[in-house]
Amino acid sequence: MSTMHAVRGHRRGGPEQLTYEVVPRPEAGAGEVLLAVRSASITLGELAWDATWTDSFDGSGSPRTPIIPSKEVSGIVARVGQGVTDWDVGDEVYGLIPFTRDGAAAEYVAVPAAVLAAKPAGLDHDHVAALPLAGLTAWQGLVGHGGLHPGSRVLVHGGAGGVGSVAVQLAAALGASVTATASAEAADFVRELGAEQVIDYRAERFEEHVKDMDLVLDTVGGDTQDRSWQVLRPGGVLVSIVAPPDPSKDGGVFFVVEPDRAGLDELTRLVDDGKLVPRVDRVVPLAETAQAYTALEEGHRLGKIVLRVS
């Protein structure tokens, strides 16, 4: 049996449950490719998702332990499964792995071929791995659910984070006027991403500085989401990736990002045009994955934390 190094969780919990070990290497089933993982990316809250540990989004399904975390991957096709005609061995690809499958914190991962896209040629694997979840979340939230168009007035909460840093760039690249909330320490970083105005959420109340927004992208939730209604124009849209907005108010949308090759192709086009650069806070070796998840929970970052596998 072929083996590989991987990070697995044998019991549901946080980073303390993750171990670096030698495990059986997966095979590419029908419609799948086996990727030799070069880099993977991790997401705040991922180890608390029901989909990480079971075969359903609401936790009602069967446990999948031991699990391999990390749903964002950049790598090289090592094998193709039956029926796969769009990828060949040696192709460099990236994508968002469906949430109820094992992830990319491993030397190899089997992924449905349909969710993968060609890797942007101008980026290394570390930066490409930082793009799928954050990029697709920003794309689907701003464009698909938020109806963003040139001239839109957009407020992005958490503009320095993994999703926020992509959303600011994406909104600006698509011709929107972008305001973002961030810490004072991250303000210059967020302005460089394309925000025209950055509001220090620790020292100021954003609702006292902006109004008549066409779209608010909420990556924070809680009181921040509740106060966001005050800054929307009539007919404006509040899109949240954290929790469903108040159902008594019109214009609220909650969604969970989905794997999407077409969306990845749009992101690649923006990368190739120089309008989008995935931001990486730090790169750590695969063996330090548990520590990386702990770091996610302990402070603010400028972009994503990436696992270097190769």
C-alpha atoms as a PDB file:
ATOM      1  CA  MET A   1       0.000   0.000   0.000  1.00  0.00           C
ATOM      2  CA  SER A   2       1.314   3.473  -0.886  1.00  0.00           C
ATOM      3  CA  THR A   3       1.579   5.901   2.010  1.00  0.00           C
ATOM      4  CA  MET A   4       2.009   9.631   2.544  1.00  0.00           C
ATOM      5  CA  HIS A   5       2.437  12.172   5.296  1.00  0.00           C
ATOM      6  CA  ALA A   6      -0.757  13.916   6.373  1.00  0.00           C
ATOM      7  CA  VAL A   7      -2.329  15.789   9.255  1.00  0.00           C
ATOM      8  CA  ARG A   8      -5.373  14.049  10.707  1.00  0.00           C
ATOM      9  CA  GLY A   9      -7.903  14.534  13.469  1.00  0.00           C
ATOM     10  CA  HIS A  10      -9.101  11.309  15.082  1.00  0.00           C
ATOM     11  CA  ARG A  11     -11.533  12.966  17.491  1.00  0.00           C
ATOM     12  CA  ARG A  12     -13.647  16.065  16.977  1.00  0.00           C
ATOM     13  CA  GLY A  13     -12.116  19.174  18.485  1.00  0.00           C
ATOM     14  CA  GLY A  14      -9.634  21.956  17.893  1.00  0.00           C
ATOM     15  CA  PRO A  15      -5.963  22.075  16.926  1.00  0.00           C
ATOM     16  CA  GLU A  16      -5.056  19.870  19.868  1.00  0.00           C
ATOM     17  CA  GLN A  17      -6.680  16.936  18.059  1.00  0.00           C
ATOM     18  CA  LEU A  18      -4.462  17.198  14.971  1.00  0.00           C
ATOM     19  CA  THR A  19      -1.482  14.887  14.515  1.00  0.00           C
ATOM     20  CA  TYR A  20       1.136  14.617  11.785  1.00  0.00           C
ATOM     21  CA  GLU A  21       1.405  10.993  10.729  1.00  0.00           C
ATOM     22  CA  VAL A  22       1.977   8.467   7.958  1.00  0.00           C
ATOM     23  CA  VAL A  23      -1.314   7.333   6.410  1.00  0.00           C
ATOM     24  CA  PRO A  24      -2.548   5.441   3.322  1.00  0.00           C
ATOM     25  CA  ARG A  25      -2.406   7.476   0.134  1.00  0.00           C
ATOM     26  CA  PRO A  26      -5.815   7.979  -1.522  1.00  0.00           C
ATOM     27  CA  GLU A  27      -6.644   6.866  -5.044  1.00  0.00           C
ATOM     28  CA  ALA A  28      -8.390   8.814  -7.779  1.00  0.00           C
ATOM     29  CA  GLY A  29     -11.907   7.496  -8.222  1.00  0.00           C
ATOM     30  CA  ALA A  30     -14.151   7.983 -11.221  1.00  0.00           C
ATOM     31  CA  GLY A  31     -14.376  11.664 -12.089  1.00  0.00           C
ATOM     32  CA  GLU A  32     -11.499  12.530  -9.737  1.00  0.00           C
ATOM     33  CA  VAL A  33      -7.848  13.434  -9.977  1.00  0.00           C
ATOM     34  CA  LEU A  34      -5.125  12.645  -7.472  1.00  0.00           C
ATOM     35  CA  LEU A  35      -3.186  15.821  -6.700  1.00  0.00           C
ATOM     36  CA  ALA A  36       0.351  15.982  -5.441  1.00  0.00           C
ATOM     37  CA  VAL A  37      -0.216  18.858  -3.034  1.00  0.00           C
ATOM     38  CA  ARG A  38       2.284  21.693  -3.159  1.00  0.00           C
ATOM     39  CA  SER A  39       0.509  24.153  -0.854  1.00  0.00           C
ATOM     40  CA  ALA A  40      -2.731  24.288   1.108  1.00  0.00           C
ATOM     41  CA  SER A  41      -4.517  27.007   3.056  1.00  0.00           C
ATOM     42  CA  ILE A  42      -6.495  26.966   6.303  1.00  0.00           C
ATOM     43  CA  THR A  43      -9.519  28.931   7.452  1.00  0.00           C
ATOM     44  CA  LEU A  44     -10.613  30.361  10.788  1.00  0.00           C
ATOM     45  CA  GLY A  45     -13.411  28.252  12.275  1.00  0.00           C
ATOM     46  CA  GLU A  46     -12.835  25.299   9.959  1.00  0.00           C
ATOM     47  CA  LEU A  47     -12.319  22.848  12.810  1.00  0.00           C
ATOM     48  CA  ALA A  48     -15.702  23.808  14.252  1.00  0.00           C
ATOM     49  CA  TRP A  49     -17.668  23.132  11.058  1.00  0.00           C
ATOM     50  CA  ASP A  50     -19.952  20.106  11.103  1.00  0.00           C
ATOM     51  CA  ALA A  51     -18.938  19.438   7.499  1.00  0.00           C
ATOM     52  CA  THR A  52     -15.315  19.035   8.572  1.00  0.00           C
ATOM     53  CA  TRP A  53     -16.146  16.061  10.788  1.00  0.00           C
ATOM     54  CA  THR A  54     -19.264  14.513   9.243  1.00  0.00           C
ATOM     55  CA  ASP A  55     -20.746  13.902   5.808  1.00  0.00           C
ATOM     56  CA  SER A  56     -23.345  16.680   6.205  1.00  0.00           C
ATOM     57  CA  PHE A  57     -23.359  20.427   6.746  1.00  0.00           C
ATOM     58  CA  ASP A  58     -25.652  20.332   9.775  1.00  0.00           C
ATOM     59  CA  GLY A  59     -23.926  17.519  11.660  1.00  0.00           C
ATOM     60  CA  SER A  60     -26.812  15.104  11.183  1.00  0.00           C
ATOM     61  CA  GLY A  61     -24.790  12.741   9.012  1.00  0.00           C
ATOM     62  CA  SER A  62     -22.254  10.090   9.827  1.00  0.00           C
ATOM     63  CA  PRO A  63     -18.849  10.909  11.353  1.00  0.00           C
ATOM     64  CA  ARG A  64     -15.896  10.814   8.936  1.00  0.00           C
ATOM     65  CA  THR A  65     -13.054  10.549  11.460  1.00  0.00           C
ATOM     66  CA  PRO A  66     -10.169  10.449  11.066  1.00  0.00           C
ATOM     67  CA  ILE A  67     -10.351  13.586   8.915  1.00  0.00           C
ATOM     68  CA  ILE A  68      -7.761  15.606   7.021  1.00  0.00           C
ATOM     69  CA  PRO A  69      -8.395  19.377   7.203  1.00  0.00           C
ATOM     70  CA  SER A  70      -7.664  22.305   4.827  1.00  0.00           C
ATOM     71  CA  LYS A  71     -10.001  22.845   1.886  1.00  0.00           C
ATOM     72  CA  GLU A  72      -7.866  25.057  -0.370  1.00  0.00           C
ATOM     73  CA  VAL A  73      -5.275  23.386  -2.544  1.00  0.00           C
ATOM     74  CA  SER A  74      -2.692  24.140  -5.201  1.00  0.00           C
ATOM     75  CA  GLY A  75      -0.818  21.233  -6.725  1.00  0.00           C
ATOM     76  CA  ILE A  76       0.059  19.023  -9.658  1.00  0.00           C
ATOM     77  CA  VAL A  77      -2.079  16.272 -11.171  1.00  0.00           C
ATOM     78  CA  ALA A  78      -0.428  12.950 -10.304  1.00  0.00           C
ATOM     79  CA  ARG A  79      -3.119  10.587 -11.616  1.00  0.00           C
ATOM     80  CA  VAL A  80      -6.485  10.884 -13.338  1.00  0.00           C
ATOM     81  CA  GLY A  81      -9.488   8.735 -12.585  1.00  0.00           C
ATOM     82  CA  GLN A  82     -11.889   7.054 -14.955  1.00  0.00           C
ATOM     83  CA  GLY A  83     -13.812   9.449 -17.163  1.00  0.00           C
ATOM     84  CA  VAL A  84     -11.574  12.478 -16.569  1.00  0.00           C
ATOM     85  CA  THR A  85     -10.707  14.153 -19.859  1.00  0.00           C
ATOM     86  CA  ASP A  86     -10.082  17.778 -18.886  1.00  0.00           C
ATOM     87  CA  TRP A  87      -6.825  17.230 -16.936  1.00  0.00           C
ATOM     88  CA  ASP A  88      -3.619  15.370 -17.660  1.00  0.00           C
ATOM     89  CA  VAL A  89      -0.813  14.173 -15.414  1.00  0.00           C
ATOM     90  CA  GLY A  90       1.528  17.095 -14.787  1.00  0.00           C
ATOM     91  CA  ASP A  91      -1.109  19.858 -15.038  1.00  0.00           C
ATOM     92  CA  GLU A  92      -0.836  22.549 -12.361  1.00  0.00           C
ATOM     93  CA  VAL A  93      -4.270  23.202 -10.851  1.00  0.00           C
ATOM     94  CA  TYR A  94      -5.980  24.713  -7.841  1.00  0.00           C
ATOM     95  CA  GLY A  95      -9.381  24.662  -6.244  1.00  0.00           C
ATOM     96  CA  LEU A  96     -11.747  24.527  -3.308  1.00  0.00           C
ATOM     97  CA  ILE A  97     -12.296  20.985  -2.051  1.00  0.00           C
ATOM     98  CA  PRO A  98     -15.933  20.155  -1.158  1.00  0.00           C
ATOM     99  CA  PHE A  99     -16.325  20.622   2.581  1.00  0.00           C
ATOM    100  CA  THR A 100     -17.521  17.102   3.416  1.00  0.00           C
ATOM    101  CA  ARG A 101     -14.397  15.505   1.904  1.00  0.00           C
ATOM    102  CA  ASP A 102     -10.887  15.137   3.268  1.00  0.00           C
ATOM    103  CA  GLY A 103      -8.757  18.192   2.667  1.00  0.00           C
ATOM    104  CA  ALA A 104      -5.289  19.102   1.481  1.00  0.00           C
ATOM    105  CA  ALA A 105      -3.174  18.987   4.658  1.00  0.00           C
ATOM    106  CA  ALA A 106      -1.432  16.000   3.115  1.00  0.00           C
ATOM    107  CA  GLU A 107       1.040  15.083   0.420  1.00  0.00           C
ATOM    108  CA  TYR A 108      -1.775  13.832  -1.822  1.00  0.00           C
ATOM    109  CA  VAL A 109      -5.512  14.459  -2.051  1.00  0.00           C
ATOM    110  CA  ALA A 110      -8.237  13.060  -4.329  1.00  0.00           C
ATOM    111  CA  VAL A 111     -10.441  15.864  -5.681  1.00  0.00           C
ATOM    112  CA  PRO A 112     -13.393  15.954  -8.104  1.00  0.00           C
ATOM    113  CA  ALA A 113     -11.924  17.076 -11.415  1.00  0.00           C
ATOM    114  CA  ALA A 114     -14.851  19.423 -12.074  1.00  0.00           C
ATOM    115  CA  VAL A 115     -14.016  21.771  -9.171  1.00  0.00           C
ATOM    116  CA  LEU A 116     -10.438  22.444 -10.269  1.00  0.00           C
ATOM    117  CA  ALA A 117      -9.096  25.235 -12.478  1.00  0.00           C
ATOM    118  CA  ALA A 118      -5.758  25.868 -14.135  1.00  0.00           C
ATOM    119  CA  LYS A 119      -3.282  27.481 -11.745  1.00  0.00           C
ATOM    120  CA  PRO A 120      -2.510  31.155 -12.493  1.00  0.00           C
ATOM    121  CA  ALA A 121       0.839  31.049 -14.257  1.00  0.00           C
ATOM    122  CA  GLY A 122       2.288  34.102 -12.569  1.00  0.00           C
ATOM    123  CA  LEU A 123       1.859  32.973  -8.964  1.00  0.00           C
ATOM    124  CA  ASP A 124       3.682  30.402  -6.859  1.00  0.00           C
ATOM    125  CA  HIS A 125       1.754  27.585  -5.209  1.00  0.00           C
ATOM    126  CA  ASP A 126       1.805  29.285  -1.793  1.00  0.00           C
ATOM    127  CA  HIS A 127      -0.074  32.336  -3.071  1.00  0.00           C
ATOM    128  CA  VAL A 128      -2.400  30.295  -5.267  1.00  0.00           C
ATOM    129  CA  ALA A 129      -3.424  28.154  -2.287  1.00  0.00           C
ATOM    130  CA  ALA A 130      -4.543  31.324  -0.511  1.00  0.00           C
ATOM    131  CA  LEU A 131      -7.073  32.107  -3.231  1.00  0.00           C
ATOM    132  CA  PRO A 132      -9.823  29.459  -3.649  1.00  0.00           C
ATOM    133  CA  LEU A 133     -12.008  29.822  -0.549  1.00  0.00           C
ATOM    134  CA  ALA A 134     -11.402  33.516   0.040  1.00  0.00           C
ATOM    135  CA  GLY A 135     -11.615  34.339  -3.643  1.00  0.00           C
ATOM    136  CA  LEU A 136     -14.766  32.356  -4.357  1.00  0.00           C
ATOM    137  CA  THR A 137     -16.405  33.695  -1.198  1.00  0.00           C
ATOM    138  CA  ALA A 138     -15.655  37.255  -2.274  1.00  0.00           C
ATOM    139  CA  TRP A 139     -16.751  36.609  -5.864  1.00  0.00           C
ATOM    140  CA  GLN A 140     -19.981  34.849  -4.954  1.00  0.00           C
ATOM    141  CA  GLY A 141     -20.794  37.322  -2.186  1.00  0.00           C
ATOM    142  CA  LEU A 142     -20.069  40.520  -4.071  1.00  0.00           C
ATOM    143  CA  VAL A 143     -21.145  39.577  -7.588  1.00  0.00           C
ATOM    144  CA  GLY A 144     -23.473  36.601  -7.300  1.00  0.00           C
ATOM    145  CA  HIS A 145     -25.434  37.636  -4.214  1.00  0.00           C
ATOM    146  CA  GLY A 146     -24.602  41.329  -3.918  1.00  0.00           C
ATOM    147  CA  GLY A 147     -25.077  42.391  -7.535  1.00  0.00           C
ATOM    148  CA  LEU A 148     -21.911  44.493  -7.516  1.00  0.00           C
ATOM    149  CA  HIS A 149     -21.356  46.590 -10.644  1.00  0.00           C
ATOM    150  CA  PRO A 150     -19.112  49.514 -11.651  1.00  0.00           C
ATOM    151  CA  GLY A 151     -19.947  52.491  -9.457  1.00  0.00           C
ATOM    152  CA  SER A 152     -21.334  50.444  -6.548  1.00  0.00           C
ATOM    153  CA  ARG A 153     -20.619  51.774  -3.061  1.00  0.00           C
ATOM    154  CA  VAL A 154     -19.349  48.842  -1.012  1.00  0.00           C
ATOM    155  CA  LEU A 155     -18.446  48.381   2.658  1.00  0.00           C
ATOM    156  CA  VAL A 156     -16.253  45.361   3.451  1.00  0.00           C
ATOM    157  CA  HIS A 157     -15.997  44.379   7.107  1.00  0.00           C
ATOM    158  CA  GLY A 158     -12.687  42.786   8.085  1.00  0.00           C
ATOM    159  CA  GLY A 159     -10.776  44.184   5.130  1.00  0.00           C
ATOM    160  CA  ALA A 160      -7.413  42.769   6.238  1.00  0.00           C
ATOM    161  CA  GLY A 161      -8.558  39.168   6.704  1.00  0.00           C
ATOM    162  CA  GLY A 162      -8.460  36.236   4.334  1.00  0.00           C
ATOM    163  CA  VAL A 163     -11.805  36.937   2.655  1.00  0.00           C
ATOM    164  CA  GLY A 164     -11.777  40.677   3.260  1.00  0.00           C
ATOM    165  CA  SER A 165      -8.395  41.256   1.642  1.00  0.00           C
ATOM    166  CA  VAL A 166      -9.595  39.565  -1.552  1.00  0.00           C
ATOM    167  CA  ALA A 167     -13.004  41.269  -1.436  1.00  0.00           C
ATOM    168  CA  VAL A 168     -11.455  44.738  -1.249  1.00  0.00           C
ATOM    169  CA  GLN A 169      -9.254  44.030  -4.267  1.00  0.00           C
ATOM    170  CA  LEU A 170     -12.044  42.375  -6.202  1.00  0.00           C
ATOM    171  CA  ALA A 171     -14.577  45.146  -5.584  1.00  0.00           C
ATOM    172  CA  ALA A 172     -12.051  47.821  -6.572  1.00  0.00           C
ATOM    173  CA  ALA A 173     -11.035  45.878  -9.692  1.00  0.00           C
ATOM    174  CA  LEU A 174     -14.679  45.678 -10.754  1.00  0.00           C
ATOM    175  CA  GLY A 175     -15.097  49.434 -10.482  1.00  0.00           C
ATOM    176  CA  ALA A 176     -16.712  49.824  -7.058  1.00  0.00           C
ATOM    177  CA  SER A 177     -15.980  52.520  -4.502  1.00  0.00           C
ATOM    178  CA  VAL A 178     -14.695  50.571  -1.488  1.00  0.00           C
ATOM    179  CA  THR A 179     -14.755  51.363   2.208  1.00  0.00           C
ATOM    180  CA  ALA A 180     -13.415  48.799   4.675  1.00  0.00           C
ATOM    181  CA  THR A 181     -13.157  48.285   8.410  1.00  0.00           C
ATOM    182  CA  ALA A 182      -9.844  47.131   9.851  1.00  0.00           C
ATOM    183  CA  SER A 183      -7.500  47.731  12.754  1.00  0.00           C
ATOM    184  CA  ALA A 184      -5.358  50.855  12.725  1.00  0.00           C
ATOM    185  CA  GLU A 185      -2.282  48.668  12.280  1.00  0.00           C
ATOM    186  CA  ALA A 186      -3.718  47.205   9.081  1.00  0.00           C
ATOM    187  CA  ALA A 187      -5.068  50.442   7.604  1.00  0.00           C
ATOM    188  CA  ASP A 188      -2.196  51.074   5.189  1.00  0.00           C
ATOM    189  CA  PHE A 189      -2.314  47.449   4.044  1.00  0.00           C
ATOM    190  CA  VAL A 190      -6.045  47.703   3.279  1.00  0.00           C
ATOM    191  CA  ARG A 191      -5.602  50.996   1.420  1.00  0.00           C
ATOM    192  CA  GLU A 192      -2.959  49.348  -0.730  1.00  0.00           C
ATOM    193  CA  LEU A 193      -5.533  46.694  -1.604  1.00  0.00           C
ATOM    194  CA  GLY A 194      -7.792  49.366  -3.082  1.00  0.00           C
ATOM    195  CA  ALA A 195      -9.952  50.737  -0.259  1.00  0.00           C
ATOM    196  CA  GLU A 196     -10.636  54.451  -0.603  1.00  0.00           C
ATOM    197  CA  GLN A 197     -11.559  54.729   3.074  1.00  0.00           C
ATOM    198  CA  VAL A 198     -10.484  52.567   6.027  1.00  0.00           C
ATOM    199  CA  ILE A 199     -12.264  52.846   9.370  1.00  0.00           C
ATOM    200  CA  ASP A 200     -10.546  51.710  12.568  1.00  0.00           C
ATOM    201  CA  TYR A 201     -13.218  49.480  14.076  1.00  0.00           C
ATOM    202  CA  ARG A 202     -11.619  49.672  17.521  1.00  0.00           C
ATOM    203  CA  ALA A 203     -11.698  53.467  17.761  1.00  0.00           C
ATOM    204  CA  GLU A 204     -14.601  54.483  15.517  1.00  0.00           C
ATOM    205  CA  ARG A 205     -18.140  53.433  14.746  1.00  0.00           C
ATOM    206  CA  PHE A 206     -18.361  52.859  11.030  1.00  0.00           C
ATOM    207  CA  GLU A 207     -22.022  53.928  10.895  1.00  0.00           C
ATOM    208  CA  GLU A 208     -20.934  57.455  11.843  1.00  0.00           C
ATOM    209  CA  HIS A 209     -18.678  57.692   8.787  1.00  0.00           C
ATOM    210  CA  VAL A 210     -20.500  55.985   5.912  1.00  0.00           C
ATOM    211  CA  LYS A 211     -24.025  55.962   4.548  1.00  0.00           C
ATOM    212  CA  ASP A 212     -26.005  55.064   1.449  1.00  0.00           C
ATOM    213  CA  MET A 213     -24.014  51.897   0.756  1.00  0.00           C
ATOM    214  CA  ASP A 214     -25.258  49.709  -2.084  1.00  0.00           C
ATOM    215  CA  LEU A 215     -23.658  46.619  -0.576  1.00  0.00           C
ATOM    216  CA  VAL A 216     -22.168  45.520   2.746  1.00  0.00           C
ATOM    217  CA  LEU A 217     -20.079  42.347   2.879  1.00  0.00           C
ATOM    218  CA  ASP A 218     -20.115  41.071   6.459  1.00  0.00           C
ATOM    219  CA  THR A 219     -17.247  38.787   7.490  1.00  0.00           C
ATOM    220  CA  VAL A 220     -17.578  39.576  11.209  1.00  0.00           C
ATOM    221  CA  GLY A 221     -21.178  39.057  12.344  1.00  0.00           C
ATOM    222  CA  GLY A 222     -22.685  39.932  15.718  1.00  0.00           C
ATOM    223  CA  ASP A 223     -23.047  43.601  16.591  1.00  0.00           C
ATOM    224  CA  THR A 224     -21.155  44.604  13.453  1.00  0.00           C
ATOM    225  CA  GLN A 225     -23.787  42.941  11.309  1.00  0.00           C
ATOM    226  CA  ASP A 226     -26.644  44.466  13.302  1.00  0.00           C
ATOM    227  CA  ARG A 227     -25.251  47.995  12.921  1.00  0.00           C
ATOM    228  CA  SER A 228     -24.659  47.522   9.204  1.00  0.00           C
ATOM    229  CA  TRP A 229     -28.336  48.007   8.395  1.00  0.00           C
ATOM    230  CA  GLN A 230     -27.906  51.670   9.284  1.00  0.00           C
ATOM    231  CA  VAL A 231     -25.492  52.355   6.432  1.00  0.00           C
ATOM    232  CA  LEU A 232     -27.435  50.728   3.573  1.00  0.00           C
ATOM    233  CA  ARG A 233     -29.375  52.811   1.099  1.00  0.00           C
ATOM    234  CA  PRO A 234     -32.999  51.779   0.436  1.00  0.00           C
ATOM    235  CA  GLY A 235     -32.767  48.668  -1.685  1.00  0.00           C
ATOM    236  CA  GLY A 236     -29.185  47.969  -0.618  1.00  0.00           C
ATOM    237  CA  VAL A 237     -27.957  44.457   0.160  1.00  0.00           C
ATOM    238  CA  LEU A 238     -26.310  43.064   3.302  1.00  0.00           C
ATOM    239  CA  VAL A 239     -24.431  39.857   2.439  1.00  0.00           C
ATOM    240  CA  SER A 240     -23.051  37.815   5.332  1.00  0.00           C
ATOM    241  CA  ILE A 241     -20.777  34.793   5.365  1.00  0.00           C
ATOM    242  CA  VAL A 242     -21.051  34.501   9.167  1.00  0.00           C
ATOM    243  CA  ALA A 243     -24.720  34.278  10.154  1.00  0.00           C
ATOM    244  CA  PRO A 244     -28.144  34.884   8.579  1.00  0.00           C
ATOM    245  CA  PRO A 245     -29.128  38.574   8.786  1.00  0.00           C
ATOM    246  CA  ASP A 246     -32.307  39.708  10.569  1.00  0.00           C
ATOM    247  CA  PRO A 247     -35.130  38.090   8.554  1.00  0.00           C
ATOM    248  CA  SER A 248     -37.486  40.959   9.410  1.00  0.00           C
ATOM    249  CA  LYS A 249     -35.410  43.300   7.228  1.00  0.00           C
ATOM    250  CA  ASP A 250     -35.309  43.322   3.451  1.00  0.00           C
ATOM    251  CA  GLY A 251     -32.050  42.849   1.593  1.00  0.00           C
ATOM    252  CA  GLY A 252     -30.288  40.357   3.852  1.00  0.00           C
ATOM    253  CA  VAL A 253     -28.436  37.381   2.359  1.00  0.00           C
ATOM    254  CA  PHE A 254     -26.489  34.574   4.033  1.00  0.00           C
ATOM    255  CA  PHE A 255     -24.606  32.019   1.972  1.00  0.00           C
ATOM    256  CA  VAL A 256     -21.977  29.298   2.177  1.00  0.00           C
ATOM    257  CA  VAL A 257     -19.348  29.381  -0.538  1.00  0.00           C
ATOM    258  CA  GLU A 258     -19.422  26.559  -3.085  1.00  0.00           C
ATOM    259  CA  PRO A 259     -16.676  25.069  -5.249  1.00  0.00           C
ATOM    260  CA  ASP A 260     -16.932  26.638  -8.685  1.00  0.00           C
ATOM    261  CA  ARG A 261     -14.528  26.304 -11.627  1.00  0.00           C
ATOM    262  CA  ALA A 262     -16.115  29.201 -13.528  1.00  0.00           C
ATOM    263  CA  GLY A 263     -15.581  31.475 -10.539  1.00  0.00           C
ATOM    264  CA  LEU A 264     -11.964  30.353 -10.242  1.00  0.00           C
ATOM    265  CA  ASP A 265     -11.466  31.149 -13.925  1.00  0.00           C
ATOM    266  CA  GLU A 266     -12.722  34.694 -13.278  1.00  0.00           C
ATOM    267  CA  LEU A 267     -10.296  35.048 -10.378  1.00  0.00           C
ATOM    268  CA  THR A 268      -7.444  33.757 -12.525  1.00  0.00           C
ATOM    269  CA  ARG A 269      -8.267  36.348 -15.178  1.00  0.00           C
ATOM    270  CA  LEU A 270      -8.026  39.127 -12.585  1.00  0.00           C
ATOM    271  CA  VAL A 271      -4.740  37.691 -11.289  1.00  0.00           C
ATOM    272  CA  ASP A 272      -3.328  37.520 -14.804  1.00  0.00           C
ATOM    273  CA  ASP A 273      -4.422  41.140 -15.395  1.00  0.00           C
ATOM    274  CA  GLY A 274      -2.554  42.239 -12.276  1.00  0.00           C
ATOM    275  CA  LYS A 275      -5.737  43.302 -10.478  1.00  0.00           C
ATOM    276  CA  LEU A 276      -5.775  40.618  -7.781  1.00  0.00           C
ATOM    277  CA  VAL A 277      -2.950  39.292  -5.609  1.00  0.00           C
ATOM    278  CA  PRO A 278      -3.754  36.733  -2.889  1.00  0.00           C
ATOM    279  CA  ARG A 279      -2.275  37.929   0.401  1.00  0.00           C
ATOM    280  CA  VAL A 280      -0.309  35.507   2.553  1.00  0.00           C
ATOM    281  CA  ASP A 281       0.295  36.281   6.210  1.00  0.00           C
ATOM    282  CA  ARG A 282       2.736  33.413   6.719  1.00  0.00           C
ATOM    283  CA  VAL A 283       3.803  30.059   5.321  1.00  0.00           C
ATOM    284  CA  VAL A 284       4.388  27.102   7.645  1.00  0.00           C
ATOM    285  CA  PRO A 285       5.489  23.502   7.016  1.00  0.00           C
ATOM    286  CA  LEU A 286       2.855  20.774   6.905  1.00  0.00           C
ATOM    287  CA  ALA A 287       4.158  19.258  10.140  1.00  0.00           C
ATOM    288  CA  GLU A 288       3.223  22.486  11.977  1.00  0.00           C
ATOM    289  CA  THR A 289      -0.425  22.487  10.879  1.00  0.00           C
ATOM    290  CA  ALA A 290      -1.782  22.236  14.433  1.00  0.00           C
ATOM    291  CA  GLN A 291       0.218  25.300  15.478  1.00  0.00           C
ATOM    292  CA  ALA A 292      -1.033  27.127  12.389  1.00  0.00           C
ATOM    293  CA  TYR A 293      -4.671  26.535  13.354  1.00  0.00           C
ATOM    294  CA  THR A 294      -3.888  27.782  16.856  1.00  0.00           C
ATOM    295  CA  ALA A 295      -2.375  30.944  15.351  1.00  0.00           C
ATOM    296  CA  LEU A 296      -5.605  31.520  13.414  1.00  0.00           C
ATOM    297  CA  GLU A 297      -7.505  31.728  16.677  1.00  0.00           C
ATOM    298  CA  GLU A 298      -5.057  33.968  18.525  1.00  0.00           C
ATOM    299  CA  GLY A 299      -4.861  37.228  16.629  1.00  0.00           C
ATOM    300  CA  HIS A 300      -5.221  39.346  13.545  1.00  0.00           C
ATOM    301  CA  ARG A 301      -3.534  38.494  10.284  1.00  0.00           C
ATOM    302  CA  LEU A 302      -2.837  40.232   7.015  1.00  0.00           C
ATOM    303  CA  GLY A 303      -4.113  37.581   4.621  1.00  0.00           C
ATOM    304  CA  LYS A 304      -4.084  33.785   4.825  1.00  0.00           C
ATOM    305  CA  ILE A 305      -1.958  31.209   6.631  1.00  0.00           C
ATOM    306  CA  VAL A 306      -0.593  28.705   4.124  1.00  0.00           C
ATOM    307  CA  LEU A 307       0.770  25.188   4.614  1.00  0.00           C
ATOM    308  CA  ARG A 308       3.743  24.329   2.434  1.00  0.00           C
ATOM    309  CA  VAL A 309       3.505  20.638   1.701  1.00  0.00           C
ATOM    310  CA  SER A 310       6.175  19.896  -0.873  1.00  0.00           C
END
